[in-house]
Amino acid sequence: MRCYFTYPLSYLFQVVTGSHQFYFLRNLGVVLSYALIAWQDPLQVINKFKLNSTKIFSELNQNWSILSEPLQTVMRRYIIKNAYEILKNFTRGRHVDMKVIHAFIENNLFTRRS
């Protein structure tokens, strides 16, 4: 029977003397250390990446069709009907460069208001 009462009495002793706070602080330290490790590992991996900005800009300059999504947002903002259909017909199956995008913006955003 003595083993049965050992845990409750020891816990009661911890509560009375205030030593249970040390267990809490120890567990809190474990949690914070794991959180710190979880935060630092992805940062170490991200820091190993080296971006080739000249390659990124050259790819973006060759593919101006990426701007069709923001153009669609602007067209919807100015209440141009069928913005998705207009841009889909404009960008599908053709190479879109800077001159073509500028011509599209001048022809469609300033003339087609509904």
Protein backbone atom coordinates (compact mmCIF):
# COMPACT_ATOMS: atom_id res chain seq x y z
CA MET A 1 0.00 0.00 0.00
CA ARG A 2 2.90 2.32 0.55
CA CYS A 3 3.72 2.40 -3.21
CA TYR A 4 0.18 3.40 -3.95
CA PHE A 5 0.48 6.59 -1.91
CA THR A 6 4.02 7.48 -2.91
CA TYR A 7 3.21 9.42 -6.06
CA PRO A 8 0.34 11.49 -4.65
CA LEU A 9 2.35 12.31 -1.53
CA SER A 10 5.44 13.26 -3.51
CA TYR A 11 3.33 15.42 -5.80
CA LEU A 12 1.67 17.00 -2.79
CA PHE A 13 5.12 17.65 -1.34
CA GLN A 14 6.17 19.35 -4.58
CA VAL A 15 3.07 21.54 -4.57
CA VAL A 16 3.51 22.52 -0.93
CA THR A 17 7.21 23.30 -1.18
CA GLY A 18 6.97 24.94 -4.60
CA SER A 19 9.44 22.59 -6.27
CA HIS A 20 6.97 21.76 -9.04
CA GLN A 21 7.88 25.09 -10.63
CA PHE A 22 11.33 23.75 -11.40
CA TYR A 23 9.81 20.88 -13.35
CA PHE A 24 7.76 23.36 -15.33
CA LEU A 25 10.79 25.50 -16.09
CA ARG A 26 12.81 22.45 -17.13
CA ASN A 27 10.06 21.39 -19.52
CA LEU A 28 9.73 24.93 -20.82
CA GLY A 29 13.45 24.97 -21.56
CA VAL A 30 13.13 21.76 -23.55
CA VAL A 31 10.26 23.20 -25.58
CA LEU A 32 12.12 26.44 -26.29
CA SER A 33 15.30 24.61 -27.32
CA TYR A 34 13.38 22.42 -29.77
CA ALA A 35 11.66 25.51 -31.14
CA LEU A 36 15.02 27.21 -31.61
CA ILE A 37 16.41 24.19 -33.47
CA ALA A 38 13.27 24.02 -35.63
CA TRP A 39 13.70 27.72 -36.50
CA GLN A 40 17.43 27.58 -37.27
CA ASP A 41 17.52 24.49 -39.50
CA PRO A 42 15.40 25.92 -42.35
CA LEU A 43 17.34 29.18 -42.17
CA GLN A 44 20.61 27.30 -42.66
CA VAL A 45 19.17 25.55 -45.71
CA ILE A 46 17.80 28.77 -47.17
CA ASN A 47 21.15 30.51 -46.72
CA LYS A 48 22.80 27.85 -48.89
CA PHE A 49 20.74 28.90 -51.92
CA LYS A 50 22.40 31.30 -54.29
CA LEU A 51 20.08 33.14 -56.64
CA ASN A 52 21.22 33.90 -60.14
CA SER A 53 19.48 37.25 -60.55
CA THR A 54 20.72 37.82 -64.11
CA LYS A 55 19.20 34.48 -65.17
CA ILE A 56 15.93 35.30 -63.39
CA PHE A 57 15.65 38.71 -65.08
CA SER A 58 16.52 37.31 -68.49
CA GLU A 59 13.84 34.61 -68.13
CA LEU A 60 11.27 37.18 -67.04
CA ASN A 61 12.18 39.47 -69.96
CA GLN A 62 11.63 36.59 -72.38
CA ASN A 63 8.28 35.56 -70.85
CA TRP A 64 6.09 38.60 -70.38
CA SER A 65 3.02 36.39 -70.36
CA ILE A 66 3.60 36.05 -66.62
CA LEU A 67 2.06 39.51 -66.32
CA SER A 68 -1.30 38.26 -67.57
CA GLU A 69 -2.43 37.44 -64.00
CA PRO A 70 -1.83 40.95 -62.61
CA LEU A 71 -3.35 42.40 -65.78
CA GLN A 72 -6.46 40.33 -65.15
CA THR A 73 -6.66 41.74 -61.62
CA VAL A 74 -6.39 45.30 -62.94
CA MET A 75 -9.01 44.61 -65.60
CA ARG A 76 -11.40 43.29 -62.98
CA ARG A 77 -10.70 46.33 -60.82
CA TYR A 78 -11.79 48.60 -63.67
CA ILE A 79 -14.85 46.40 -64.30
CA ILE A 80 -13.88 45.07 -67.71
CA LYS A 81 -16.16 42.15 -68.51
CA ASN A 82 -14.67 38.74 -69.39
CA ALA A 83 -11.15 39.73 -68.31
CA TYR A 84 -10.09 36.09 -68.10
CA GLU A 85 -11.40 35.25 -71.56
CA ILE A 86 -9.78 38.31 -73.12
CA LEU A 87 -6.38 37.48 -71.62
CA LYS A 88 -6.72 33.79 -72.42
CA ASN A 89 -7.32 34.56 -76.07
CA PHE A 90 -4.48 37.05 -76.01
CA THR A 91 -1.79 34.85 -74.44
CA ARG A 92 -2.54 31.31 -75.62
CA GLY A 93 -0.33 29.96 -78.34
CA ARG A 94 1.78 33.02 -78.93
CA HIS A 95 4.99 34.56 -77.68
CA VAL A 96 4.29 37.63 -75.58
CA ASP A 97 7.03 40.23 -75.19
CA MET A 98 7.19 43.76 -73.85
CA LYS A 99 5.88 45.48 -76.99
CA VAL A 100 2.91 43.14 -77.25
CA ILE A 101 1.96 43.64 -73.59
CA HIS A 102 2.22 47.42 -73.93
CA ALA A 103 0.05 47.38 -77.03
CA PHE A 104 -2.50 45.17 -75.26
CA ILE A 105 -2.63 47.53 -72.27
CA GLU A 106 -3.09 50.61 -74.46
CA ASN A 107 -5.77 48.98 -76.61
CA ASN A 108 -7.77 47.18 -73.92
CA LEU A 109 -7.45 48.92 -70.60
CA PHE A 110 -8.17 52.39 -71.91
CA THR A 111 -10.88 51.55 -74.45
CA ARG A 112 -12.90 48.64 -72.95
CA ARG A 113 -14.88 49.88 -70.02
CA SER A 114 -18.31 48.43 -69.41
